[in-house]
Amino acid sequence: MPGDPKERRQRALRCTELAENAADSQLKAVLKHLAEQWLKMAVELER
């Protein structure tokens, strides 16, 4: 899996920030899930 773990972590952070500001509970849940997936990819890249 090509890519930069740092970039993946930045994307995760951005999703988390958007989730914190989301008024819609479904959108908040999706953004939190996306953040988790970005972090998971970052960890896999670091291995």
N, C-alpha and C. Protein backbone atom coordinates (compact mmCIF):
# COMPACT_ATOMS: atom_id res chain seq x y z
N MET A 1 0.86 -1.18 0.00
CA MET A 1 0.00 0.00 0.00
C MET A 1 0.90 1.24 0.00
N PRO A 2 0.97 1.93 -1.12
CA PRO A 2 1.81 3.13 -1.17
C PRO A 2 1.17 4.29 -0.42
N GLY A 3 2.00 5.20 0.04
CA GLY A 3 1.46 6.37 0.70
C GLY A 3 2.29 6.79 1.89
N ASP A 4 1.89 7.89 2.44
CA ASP A 4 2.59 8.50 3.56
C ASP A 4 1.73 8.39 4.82
N PRO A 5 2.23 7.72 5.85
CA PRO A 5 1.46 7.59 7.09
C PRO A 5 1.10 8.95 7.69
N LYS A 6 2.00 9.92 7.55
CA LYS A 6 1.74 11.25 8.10
C LYS A 6 0.51 11.88 7.43
N GLU A 7 0.42 11.71 6.12
CA GLU A 7 -0.73 12.24 5.38
C GLU A 7 -2.02 11.55 5.84
N ARG A 8 -1.94 10.25 6.07
CA ARG A 8 -3.12 9.50 6.52
C ARG A 8 -3.57 10.01 7.90
N ARG A 9 -2.61 10.28 8.76
CA ARG A 9 -2.94 10.80 10.09
C ARG A 9 -3.55 12.20 10.01
N GLN A 10 -3.07 13.01 9.09
CA GLN A 10 -3.64 14.35 8.90
C GLN A 10 -5.09 14.25 8.43
N ARG A 11 -5.34 13.32 7.52
CA ARG A 11 -6.71 13.13 7.04
C ARG A 11 -7.62 12.65 8.17
N ALA A 12 -7.09 11.77 9.01
CA ALA A 12 -7.86 11.29 10.16
C ALA A 12 -8.20 12.45 11.09
N LEU A 13 -7.22 13.30 11.32
CA LEU A 13 -7.45 14.46 12.19
C LEU A 13 -8.52 15.38 11.61
N ARG A 14 -8.46 15.59 10.30
CA ARG A 14 -9.45 16.45 9.65
C ARG A 14 -10.85 15.85 9.77
N CYS A 15 -10.97 14.56 9.58
CA CYS A 15 -12.28 13.90 9.73
C CYS A 15 -12.79 14.05 11.16
N THR A 16 -11.89 13.91 12.12
CA THR A 16 -12.27 14.06 13.53
C THR A 16 -12.76 15.48 13.80
N GLU A 17 -12.05 16.46 13.27
CA GLU A 17 -12.46 17.86 13.44
C GLU A 17 -13.84 18.10 12.82
N LEU A 18 -14.05 17.59 11.63
CA LEU A 18 -15.34 17.76 10.97
C LEU A 18 -16.45 17.06 11.76
N ALA A 19 -16.14 15.89 12.30
CA ALA A 19 -17.13 15.16 13.09
C ALA A 19 -17.54 15.95 14.34
N GLU A 20 -16.57 16.58 14.97
CA GLU A 20 -16.86 17.36 16.18
C GLU A 20 -17.81 18.52 15.89
N ASN A 21 -17.73 19.05 14.66
CA ASN A 21 -18.56 20.20 14.30
C ASN A 21 -19.84 19.82 13.56
N ALA A 22 -20.01 18.55 13.27
CA ALA A 22 -21.19 18.10 12.52
C ALA A 22 -22.43 18.12 13.41
N ALA A 23 -23.49 18.70 12.89
CA ALA A 23 -24.75 18.75 13.62
C ALA A 23 -25.55 17.45 13.44
N ASP A 24 -25.40 16.84 12.28
CA ASP A 24 -26.14 15.62 11.95
C ASP A 24 -25.44 14.40 12.55
N SER A 25 -26.18 13.60 13.30
CA SER A 25 -25.57 12.46 13.99
C SER A 25 -25.07 11.40 13.02
N GLN A 26 -25.75 11.21 11.90
CA GLN A 26 -25.28 10.22 10.92
C GLN A 26 -23.97 10.67 10.28
N LEU A 27 -23.90 11.94 9.94
CA LEU A 27 -22.67 12.48 9.36
C LEU A 27 -21.53 12.37 10.36
N LYS A 28 -21.82 12.66 11.61
CA LYS A 28 -20.81 12.57 12.67
C LYS A 28 -20.26 11.14 12.76
N ALA A 29 -21.16 10.17 12.70
CA ALA A 29 -20.75 8.76 12.79
C ALA A 29 -19.90 8.36 11.58
N VAL A 30 -20.29 8.79 10.40
CA VAL A 30 -19.53 8.47 9.19
C VAL A 30 -18.13 9.08 9.26
N LEU A 31 -18.05 10.32 9.69
CA LEU A 31 -16.75 10.99 9.78
C LEU A 31 -15.84 10.33 10.81
N LYS A 32 -16.42 9.90 11.93
CA LYS A 32 -15.63 9.20 12.94
C LYS A 32 -15.12 7.87 12.39
N HIS A 33 -15.96 7.19 11.64
CA HIS A 33 -15.56 5.93 11.03
C HIS A 33 -14.42 6.16 10.03
N LEU A 34 -14.55 7.20 9.22
CA LEU A 34 -13.50 7.53 8.26
C LEU A 34 -12.18 7.83 8.97
N ALA A 35 -12.26 8.55 10.07
CA ALA A 35 -11.06 8.87 10.84
C ALA A 35 -10.38 7.58 11.31
N GLU A 36 -11.18 6.64 11.79
CA GLU A 36 -10.63 5.37 12.26
C GLU A 36 -9.96 4.61 11.11
N GLN A 37 -10.57 4.65 9.93
CA GLN A 37 -10.00 3.96 8.78
C GLN A 37 -8.68 4.60 8.34
N TRP A 38 -8.62 5.92 8.34
CA TRP A 38 -7.38 6.62 7.99
C TRP A 38 -6.28 6.24 8.97
N LEU A 39 -6.61 6.20 10.26
CA LEU A 39 -5.60 5.83 11.26
C LEU A 39 -5.14 4.39 11.08
N LYS A 40 -6.07 3.52 10.76
CA LYS A 40 -5.73 2.12 10.53
C LYS A 40 -4.76 1.99 9.35
N MET A 41 -5.01 2.75 8.30
CA MET A 41 -4.12 2.72 7.14
C MET A 41 -2.73 3.26 7.51
N ALA A 42 -2.69 4.30 8.32
CA ALA A 42 -1.40 4.87 8.75
C ALA A 42 -0.59 3.82 9.51
N VAL A 43 -1.24 3.11 10.39
CA VAL A 43 -0.55 2.07 11.17
C VAL A 43 -0.04 0.98 10.25
N GLU A 44 -0.86 0.57 9.29
CA GLU A 44 -0.43 -0.48 8.35
C GLU A 44 0.77 -0.03 7.53
N LEU A 45 0.79 1.23 7.14
CA LEU A 45 1.92 1.74 6.36
C LEU A 45 3.20 1.79 7.17
N GLU A 46 3.06 1.99 8.46
CA GLU A 46 4.23 2.10 9.33
C GLU A 46 4.86 0.74 9.64
N ARG A 47 4.16 -0.32 9.37
CA ARG A 47 4.67 -1.67 9.65
C ARG A 47 5.71 -2.09 8.67
